[in-house]
Amino acid sequence: HQEGTEVISDEKIKEYEDKFLATINDDLNM
């Protein structure tokens, strides 16, 4: 991914951020 050239939408990044935050905030669901 560090070497990647694709452009990802801000909406997609935000979707992943929200999902990750929801899981870790749910009693540390690692």
PDB file of all heavy atoms in Angstrom:
ATOM      1  N   HIS A   1       0.836  -1.209   0.000  1.00  0.00           N
ATOM      2  CA  HIS A   1       0.000   0.000   0.000  1.00  0.00           C
ATOM      3  C   HIS A   1       0.870   1.259   0.000  1.00  0.00           C
ATOM      4  O   HIS A   1       0.519   2.257  -0.635  1.00  0.00           O
ATOM      5  CB  HIS A   1      -0.933   0.003   1.215  1.00  0.00           C
ATOM      6  CG  HIS A   1      -2.165  -0.822   1.026  1.00  0.00           C
ATOM      7  ND1 HIS A   1      -3.033  -0.644  -0.035  1.00  0.00           N
ATOM      8  CD2 HIS A   1      -2.691  -1.839   1.767  1.00  0.00           C
ATOM      9  CE1 HIS A   1      -4.037  -1.503   0.059  1.00  0.00           C
ATOM     10  NE2 HIS A   1      -3.861  -2.245   1.134  1.00  0.00           N
ATOM     11  N   GLN A   2       2.003   1.203   0.689  1.00  0.00           N
ATOM     12  CA  GLN A   2       2.900   2.364   0.699  1.00  0.00           C
ATOM     13  C   GLN A   2       3.397   2.699  -0.701  1.00  0.00           C
ATOM     14  O   GLN A   2       3.662   3.859  -1.015  1.00  0.00           O
ATOM     15  CB  GLN A   2       4.104   2.095   1.608  1.00  0.00           C
ATOM     16  CG  GLN A   2       3.926   2.571   3.031  1.00  0.00           C
ATOM     17  CD  GLN A   2       5.233   2.683   3.776  1.00  0.00           C
ATOM     18  OE1 GLN A   2       6.195   1.963   3.488  1.00  0.00           O
ATOM     19  NE2 GLN A   2       5.298   3.583   4.746  1.00  0.00           N
ATOM     20  N   GLU A   3       3.523   1.667  -1.524  1.00  0.00           N
ATOM     21  CA  GLU A   3       4.019   1.850  -2.889  1.00  0.00           C
ATOM     22  C   GLU A   3       2.880   2.053  -3.890  1.00  0.00           C
ATOM     23  O   GLU A   3       3.126   2.251  -5.081  1.00  0.00           O
ATOM     24  CB  GLU A   3       4.849   0.625  -3.293  1.00  0.00           C
ATOM     25  CG  GLU A   3       6.115   0.444  -2.455  1.00  0.00           C
ATOM     26  CD  GLU A   3       6.694  -0.953  -2.562  1.00  0.00           C
ATOM     27  OE1 GLU A   3       6.106  -1.768  -3.317  1.00  0.00           O
ATOM     28  OE2 GLU A   3       7.709  -1.241  -1.897  1.00  0.00           O
ATOM     29  N   GLY A   4       1.634   1.984  -3.411  1.00  0.00           N
ATOM     30  CA  GLY A   4       0.473   2.056  -4.297  1.00  0.00           C
ATOM     31  C   GLY A   4       0.241   3.436  -4.879  1.00  0.00           C
ATOM     32  O   GLY A   4       0.722   4.448  -4.360  1.00  0.00           O
ATOM     33  N   THR A   5      -0.530   3.456  -5.966  1.00  0.00           N
ATOM     34  CA  THR A   5      -0.804   4.726  -6.667  1.00  0.00           C
ATOM     35  C   THR A   5      -2.300   5.023  -6.785  1.00  0.00           C
ATOM     36  O   THR A   5      -2.685   6.078  -7.293  1.00  0.00           O
ATOM     37  CB  THR A   5      -0.195   4.681  -8.076  1.00  0.00           C
ATOM     38  OG1 THR A   5      -0.728   3.552  -8.778  1.00  0.00           O
ATOM     39  CG2 THR A   5       1.325   4.588  -8.003  1.00  0.00           C
ATOM     40  N   GLU A   6      -3.144   4.079  -6.333  1.00  0.00           N
ATOM     41  CA  GLU A   6      -4.593   4.272  -6.439  1.00  0.00           C
ATOM     42  C   GLU A   6      -5.048   5.420  -5.531  1.00  0.00           C
ATOM     43  O   GLU A   6      -4.464   5.665  -4.466  1.00  0.00           O
ATOM     44  CB  GLU A   6      -5.342   3.000  -6.053  1.00  0.00           C
ATOM     45  CG  GLU A   6      -5.037   1.799  -6.933  1.00  0.00           C
ATOM     46  CD  GLU A   6      -5.778   1.867  -8.263  1.00  0.00           C
ATOM     47  OE1 GLU A   6      -6.658   2.743  -8.412  1.00  0.00           O
ATOM     48  OE2 GLU A   6      -5.485   1.041  -9.140  1.00  0.00           O
ATOM     49  N   VAL A   7      -6.104   6.105  -5.963  1.00  0.00           N
ATOM     50  CA  VAL A   7      -6.687   7.181  -5.159  1.00  0.00           C
ATOM     51  C   VAL A   7      -8.000   6.678  -4.568  1.00  0.00           C
ATOM     52  O   VAL A   7      -8.884   6.218  -5.285  1.00  0.00           O
ATOM     53  CB  VAL A   7      -6.940   8.448  -6.007  1.00  0.00           C
ATOM     54  CG1 VAL A   7      -7.605   9.520  -5.156  1.00  0.00           C
ATOM     55  CG2 VAL A   7      -5.622   8.954  -6.587  1.00  0.00           C
ATOM     56  N   ILE A   8      -8.109   6.747  -3.240  1.00  0.00           N
ATOM     57  CA  ILE A   8      -9.292   6.260  -2.522  1.00  0.00           C
ATOM     58  C   ILE A   8     -10.120   7.460  -2.079  1.00  0.00           C
ATOM     59  O   ILE A   8      -9.575   8.485  -1.649  1.00  0.00           O
ATOM     60  CB  ILE A   8      -8.893   5.419  -1.296  1.00  0.00           C
ATOM     61  CG1 ILE A   8      -7.860   4.353  -1.678  1.00  0.00           C
ATOM     62  CG2 ILE A   8     -10.118   4.771  -0.648  1.00  0.00           C
ATOM     63  CD1 ILE A   8      -8.325   3.373  -2.732  1.00  0.00           C
ATOM     64  N   SER A   9     -11.423   7.343  -2.177  1.00  0.00           N
ATOM     65  CA  SER A   9     -12.297   8.458  -1.802  1.00  0.00           C
ATOM     66  C   SER A   9     -12.233   8.723  -0.302  1.00  0.00           C
ATOM     67  O   SER A   9     -12.017   7.801   0.502  1.00  0.00           O
ATOM     68  CB  SER A   9     -13.743   8.157  -2.196  1.00  0.00           C
ATOM     69  OG  SER A   9     -14.276   7.113  -1.402  1.00  0.00           O
ATOM     70  N   ASP A  10     -12.449   9.978   0.066  1.00  0.00           N
ATOM     71  CA  ASP A  10     -12.473  10.346   1.481  1.00  0.00           C
ATOM     72  C   ASP A  10     -13.591   9.598   2.216  1.00  0.00           C
ATOM     73  O   ASP A  10     -13.444   9.257   3.398  1.00  0.00           O
ATOM     74  CB  ASP A  10     -12.679  11.856   1.637  1.00  0.00           C
ATOM     75  CG  ASP A  10     -11.470  12.650   1.149  1.00  0.00           C
ATOM     76  OD1 ASP A  10     -10.382  12.043   1.026  1.00  0.00           O
ATOM     77  OD2 ASP A  10     -11.610  13.860   0.897  1.00  0.00           O
ATOM     78  N   GLU A  11     -14.694   9.350   1.496  1.00  0.00           N
ATOM     79  CA  GLU A  11     -15.834   8.647   2.105  1.00  0.00           C
ATOM     80  C   GLU A  11     -15.442   7.227   2.509  1.00  0.00           C
ATOM     81  O   GLU A  11     -15.843   6.742   3.582  1.00  0.00           O
ATOM     82  CB  GLU A  11     -17.017   8.605   1.135  1.00  0.00           C
ATOM     83  CG  GLU A  11     -17.703   9.940   0.881  1.00  0.00           C
ATOM     84  CD  GLU A  11     -16.925  10.841  -0.064  1.00  0.00           C
ATOM     85  OE1 GLU A  11     -15.993  10.332  -0.753  1.00  0.00           O
ATOM     86  OE2 GLU A  11     -17.236  12.057  -0.122  1.00  0.00           O
ATOM     87  N   LYS A  12     -14.666   6.558   1.648  1.00  0.00           N
ATOM     88  CA  LYS A  12     -14.245   5.191   1.938  1.00  0.00           C
ATOM     89  C   LYS A  12     -13.303   5.153   3.136  1.00  0.00           C
ATOM     90  O   LYS A  12     -13.430   4.281   4.008  1.00  0.00           O
ATOM     91  CB  LYS A  12     -13.545   4.587   0.711  1.00  0.00           C
ATOM     92  CG  LYS A  12     -13.212   3.107   0.835  1.00  0.00           C
ATOM     93  CD  LYS A  12     -14.464   2.262   0.960  1.00  0.00           C
ATOM     94  CE  LYS A  12     -14.155   0.789   1.032  1.00  0.00           C
ATOM     95  NZ  LYS A  12     -15.361  -0.029   1.251  1.00  0.00           N
ATOM     96  N   ILE A  13     -12.364   6.083   3.189  1.00  0.00           N
ATOM     97  CA  ILE A  13     -11.439   6.164   4.330  1.00  0.00           C
ATOM     98  C   ILE A  13     -12.216   6.426   5.616  1.00  0.00           C
ATOM     99  O   ILE A  13     -11.974   5.779   6.646  1.00  0.00           O
ATOM    100  CB  ILE A  13     -10.391   7.271   4.111  1.00  0.00           C
ATOM    101  CG1 ILE A  13      -9.509   6.967   2.889  1.00  0.00           C
ATOM    102  CG2 ILE A  13      -9.536   7.459   5.364  1.00  0.00           C
ATOM    103  CD1 ILE A  13      -8.660   5.719   3.021  1.00  0.00           C
ATOM    104  N   LYS A  14     -13.181   7.346   5.537  1.00  0.00           N
ATOM    105  CA  LYS A  14     -14.000   7.679   6.717  1.00  0.00           C
ATOM    106  C   LYS A  14     -14.813   6.470   7.168  1.00  0.00           C
ATOM    107  O   LYS A  14     -14.982   6.219   8.380  1.00  0.00           O
ATOM    108  CB  LYS A  14     -14.935   8.844   6.374  1.00  0.00           C
ATOM    109  CG  LYS A  14     -15.824   9.308   7.518  1.00  0.00           C
ATOM    110  CD  LYS A  14     -15.032  10.032   8.588  1.00  0.00           C
ATOM    111  CE  LYS A  14     -15.927  10.842   9.519  1.00  0.00           C
ATOM    112  NZ  LYS A  14     -16.987  10.088  10.175  1.00  0.00           N
ATOM    113  N   GLU A  15     -15.284   5.698   6.228  1.00  0.00           N
ATOM    114  CA  GLU A  15     -16.069   4.495   6.551  1.00  0.00           C
ATOM    115  C   GLU A  15     -15.216   3.504   7.352  1.00  0.00           C
ATOM    116  O   GLU A  15     -15.678   2.953   8.361  1.00  0.00           O
ATOM    117  CB  GLU A  15     -16.566   3.836   5.261  1.00  0.00           C
ATOM    118  CG  GLU A  15     -17.414   2.591   5.492  1.00  0.00           C
ATOM    119  CD  GLU A  15     -17.783   1.910   4.180  1.00  0.00           C
ATOM    120  OE1 GLU A  15     -17.791   2.586   3.123  1.00  0.00           O
ATOM    121  OE2 GLU A  15     -18.041   0.691   4.215  1.00  0.00           O
ATOM    122  N   TYR A  16     -13.988   3.306   6.897  1.00  0.00           N
ATOM    123  CA  TYR A  16     -13.081   2.410   7.619  1.00  0.00           C
ATOM    124  C   TYR A  16     -12.740   2.971   9.003  1.00  0.00           C
ATOM    125  O   TYR A  16     -12.679   2.232   9.997  1.00  0.00           O
ATOM    126  CB  TYR A  16     -11.788   2.191   6.832  1.00  0.00           C
ATOM    127  CG  TYR A  16     -11.890   1.099   5.799  1.00  0.00           C
ATOM    128  CD1 TYR A  16     -11.533   1.329   4.462  1.00  0.00           C
ATOM    129  CD2 TYR A  16     -12.311  -0.184   6.143  1.00  0.00           C
ATOM    130  CE1 TYR A  16     -11.611   0.315   3.513  1.00  0.00           C
ATOM    131  CE2 TYR A  16     -12.392  -1.198   5.197  1.00  0.00           C
ATOM    132  CZ  TYR A  16     -12.040  -0.946   3.889  1.00  0.00           C
ATOM    133  OH  TYR A  16     -12.117  -1.947   2.953  1.00  0.00           O
ATOM    134  N   GLU A  17     -12.493   4.266   9.082  1.00  0.00           N
ATOM    135  CA  GLU A  17     -12.173   4.897  10.370  1.00  0.00           C
ATOM    136  C   GLU A  17     -13.305   4.716  11.371  1.00  0.00           C
ATOM    137  O   GLU A  17     -13.070   4.375  12.545  1.00  0.00           O
ATOM    138  CB  GLU A  17     -11.893   6.398  10.172  1.00  0.00           C
ATOM    139  CG  GLU A  17     -10.544   6.697   9.565  1.00  0.00           C
ATOM    140  CD  GLU A  17     -10.306   8.184   9.391  1.00  0.00           C
ATOM    141  OE1 GLU A  17     -11.284   8.929   9.189  1.00  0.00           O
ATOM    142  OE2 GLU A  17      -9.133   8.606   9.455  1.00  0.00           O
ATOM    143  N   ASP A  18     -14.525   4.918  10.912  1.00  0.00           N
ATOM    144  CA  ASP A  18     -15.689   4.801  11.798  1.00  0.00           C
ATOM    145  C   ASP A  18     -15.893   3.355  12.265  1.00  0.00           C
ATOM    146  O   ASP A  18     -16.208   3.113  13.439  1.00  0.00           O
ATOM    147  CB  ASP A  18     -16.959   5.295  11.095  1.00  0.00           C
ATOM    148  CG  ASP A  18     -16.955   6.807  10.892  1.00  0.00           C
ATOM    149  OD1 ASP A  18     -16.118   7.487  11.520  1.00  0.00           O
ATOM    150  OD2 ASP A  18     -17.776   7.303  10.093  1.00  0.00           O
ATOM    151  N   LYS A  19     -15.701   2.402  11.340  1.00  0.00           N
ATOM    152  CA  LYS A  19     -15.853   0.989  11.699  1.00  0.00           C
ATOM    153  C   LYS A  19     -14.801   0.574  12.725  1.00  0.00           C
ATOM    154  O   LYS A  19     -15.094  -0.137  13.694  1.00  0.00           O
ATOM    155  CB  LYS A  19     -15.740   0.107  10.451  1.00  0.00           C
ATOM    156  CG  LYS A  19     -16.983   0.085   9.583  1.00  0.00           C
ATOM    157  CD  LYS A  19     -16.727  -0.582   8.245  1.00  0.00           C
ATOM    158  CE  LYS A  19     -16.402  -2.058   8.379  1.00  0.00           C
ATOM    159  NZ  LYS A  19     -16.203  -2.697   7.048  1.00  0.00           N
ATOM    160  N   PHE A  20     -13.565   1.012  12.521  1.00  0.00           N
ATOM    161  CA  PHE A  20     -12.481   0.666  13.433  1.00  0.00           C
ATOM    162  C   PHE A  20     -12.732   1.251  14.814  1.00  0.00           C
ATOM    163  O   PHE A  20     -12.598   0.553  15.843  1.00  0.00           O
ATOM    164  CB  PHE A  20     -11.148   1.174  12.872  1.00  0.00           C
ATOM    165  CG  PHE A  20      -9.948   0.755  13.672  1.00  0.00           C
ATOM    166  CD1 PHE A  20      -9.399  -0.511  13.537  1.00  0.00           C
ATOM    167  CD2 PHE A  20      -9.342   1.641  14.564  1.00  0.00           C
ATOM    168  CE1 PHE A  20      -8.282  -0.901  14.267  1.00  0.00           C
ATOM    169  CE2 PHE A  20      -8.228   1.260  15.298  1.00  0.00           C
ATOM    170  CZ  PHE A  20      -7.698  -0.016  15.148  1.00  0.00           C
ATOM    171  N   LEU A  21     -13.134   2.518  14.865  1.00  0.00           N
ATOM    172  CA  LEU A  21     -13.404   3.176  16.146  1.00  0.00           C
ATOM    173  C   LEU A  21     -14.550   2.480  16.878  1.00  0.00           C
ATOM    174  O   LEU A  21     -14.497   2.284  18.091  1.00  0.00           O
ATOM    175  CB  LEU A  21     -13.733   4.656  15.924  1.00  0.00           C
ATOM    176  CG  LEU A  21     -13.962   5.504  17.190  1.00  0.00           C
ATOM    177  CD1 LEU A  21     -12.713   5.518  18.060  1.00  0.00           C
ATOM    178  CD2 LEU A  21     -14.378   6.918  16.827  1.00  0.00           C
ATOM    179  N   ALA A  22     -15.581   2.097  16.134  1.00  0.00           N
ATOM    180  CA  ALA A  22     -16.730   1.429  16.751  1.00  0.00           C
ATOM    181  C   ALA A  22     -16.333   0.099  17.379  1.00  0.00           C
ATOM    182  O   ALA A  22     -16.804  -0.251  18.469  1.00  0.00           O
ATOM    183  CB  ALA A  22     -17.831   1.210  15.714  1.00  0.00           C
ATOM    184  N   THR A  23     -15.438  -0.631  16.724  1.00  0.00           N
ATOM    185  CA  THR A  23     -15.046  -1.944  17.260  1.00  0.00           C
ATOM    186  C   THR A  23     -14.142  -1.812  18.478  1.00  0.00           C
ATOM    187  O   THR A  23     -14.343  -2.516  19.475  1.00  0.00           O
ATOM    188  CB  THR A  23     -14.343  -2.808  16.191  1.00  0.00           C
ATOM    189  OG1 THR A  23     -13.210  -2.106  15.680  1.00  0.00           O
ATOM    190  CG2 THR A  23     -15.281  -3.159  15.062  1.00  0.00           C
ATOM    191  N   ILE A  24     -13.156  -0.924  18.431  1.00  0.00           N
ATOM    192  CA  ILE A  24     -12.264  -0.805  19.587  1.00  0.00           C
ATOM    193  C   ILE A  24     -12.990  -0.195  20.777  1.00  0.00           C
ATOM    194  O   ILE A  24     -12.661  -0.501  21.935  1.00  0.00           O
ATOM    195  CB  ILE A  24     -10.984   0.004  19.261  1.00  0.00           C
ATOM    196  CG1 ILE A  24     -11.309   1.438  18.852  1.00  0.00           C
ATOM    197  CG2 ILE A  24     -10.156  -0.711  18.201  1.00  0.00           C
ATOM    198  CD1 ILE A  24     -10.083   2.332  18.670  1.00  0.00           C
ATOM    199  N   ASN A  25     -13.985   0.657  20.519  1.00  0.00           N
ATOM    200  CA  ASN A  25     -14.753   1.268  21.607  1.00  0.00           C
ATOM    201  C   ASN A  25     -15.804   0.328  22.168  1.00  0.00           C
ATOM    202  O   ASN A  25     -16.431   0.630  23.185  1.00  0.00           O
ATOM    203  CB  ASN A  25     -15.412   2.565  21.143  1.00  0.00           C
ATOM    204  CG  ASN A  25     -14.424   3.723  21.076  1.00  0.00           C
ATOM    205  OD1 ASN A  25     -13.221   3.526  21.258  1.00  0.00           O
ATOM    206  ND2 ASN A  25     -14.919   4.922  20.837  1.00  0.00           N
ATOM    207  N   ASP A  26     -16.009  -0.804  21.520  1.00  0.00           N
ATOM    208  CA  ASP A  26     -16.937  -1.812  22.022  1.00  0.00           C
ATOM    209  C   ASP A  26     -16.157  -2.808  22.883  1.00  0.00           C
ATOM    210  O   ASP A  26     -15.872  -3.928  22.484  1.00  0.00           O
ATOM    211  CB  ASP A  26     -17.624  -2.532  20.860  1.00  0.00           C
ATOM    212  CG  ASP A  26     -18.630  -3.573  21.334  1.00  0.00           C
ATOM    213  OD1 ASP A  26     -19.018  -3.542  22.521  1.00  0.00           O
ATOM    214  OD2 ASP A  26     -19.021  -4.425  20.524  1.00  0.00           O
ATOM    215  N   ASP A  27     -15.756  -2.349  24.064  1.00  0.00           N
ATOM    216  CA  ASP A  27     -15.044  -3.182  25.035  1.00  0.00           C
ATOM    217  C   ASP A  27     -13.794  -3.820  24.439  1.00  0.00           C
ATOM    218  O   ASP A  27     -13.535  -5.008  24.612  1.00  0.00           O
ATOM    219  CB  ASP A  27     -15.986  -4.262  25.599  1.00  0.00           C
ATOM    220  CG  ASP A  27     -15.456  -4.889  26.884  1.00  0.00           C
ATOM    221  OD1 ASP A  27     -14.711  -4.212  27.607  1.00  0.00           O
ATOM    222  OD2 ASP A  27     -15.792  -6.060  27.142  1.00  0.00           O
ATOM    223  N   LEU A  28     -13.023  -3.012  23.690  1.00  0.00           N
ATOM    224  CA  LEU A  28     -11.748  -3.442  23.116  1.00  0.00           C
ATOM    225  C   LEU A  28     -11.894  -4.700  22.267  1.00  0.00           C
ATOM    226  O   LEU A  28     -11.196  -5.708  22.469  1.00  0.00           O
ATOM    227  CB  LEU A  28     -10.712  -3.703  24.223  1.00  0.00           C
ATOM    228  CG  LEU A  28     -10.568  -2.673  25.347  1.00  0.00           C
ATOM    229  CD1 LEU A  28      -9.469  -3.100  26.319  1.00  0.00           C
ATOM    230  CD2 LEU A  28     -10.270  -1.294  24.796  1.00  0.00           C
ATOM    231  N   ASN A  29     -12.770  -4.646  21.292  1.00  0.00           N
ATOM    232  CA  ASN A  29     -13.010  -5.825  20.435  1.00  0.00           C
ATOM    233  C   ASN A  29     -11.907  -5.929  19.378  1.00  0.00           C
ATOM    234  O   ASN A  29     -12.097  -5.595  18.211  1.00  0.00           O
ATOM    235  CB  ASN A  29     -14.381  -5.730  19.769  1.00  0.00           C
ATOM    236  CG  ASN A  29     -14.780  -7.025  19.086  1.00  0.00           C
ATOM    237  OD1 ASN A  29     -13.956  -7.906  18.869  1.00  0.00           O
ATOM    238  ND2 ASN A  29     -16.051  -7.134  18.743  1.00  0.00           N
ATOM    239  N   MET A  30     -10.767  -6.430  19.790  1.00  0.00           N
ATOM    240  CA  MET A  30      -9.608  -6.479  18.906  1.00  0.00           C
ATOM    241  C   MET A  30      -9.736  -7.506  17.773  1.00  0.00           C
ATOM    242  O   MET A  30      -9.224  -7.264  16.670  1.00  0.00           O
ATOM    243  CB  MET A  30      -8.335  -6.721  19.708  1.00  0.00           C
ATOM    244  CG  MET A  30      -7.997  -5.583  20.670  1.00  0.00           C
ATOM    245  SD  MET A  30      -7.953  -3.968  19.867  1.00  0.00           S
ATOM    246  CE  MET A  30      -6.499  -4.147  18.845  1.00  0.00           C
TER     247      MET A  30
END
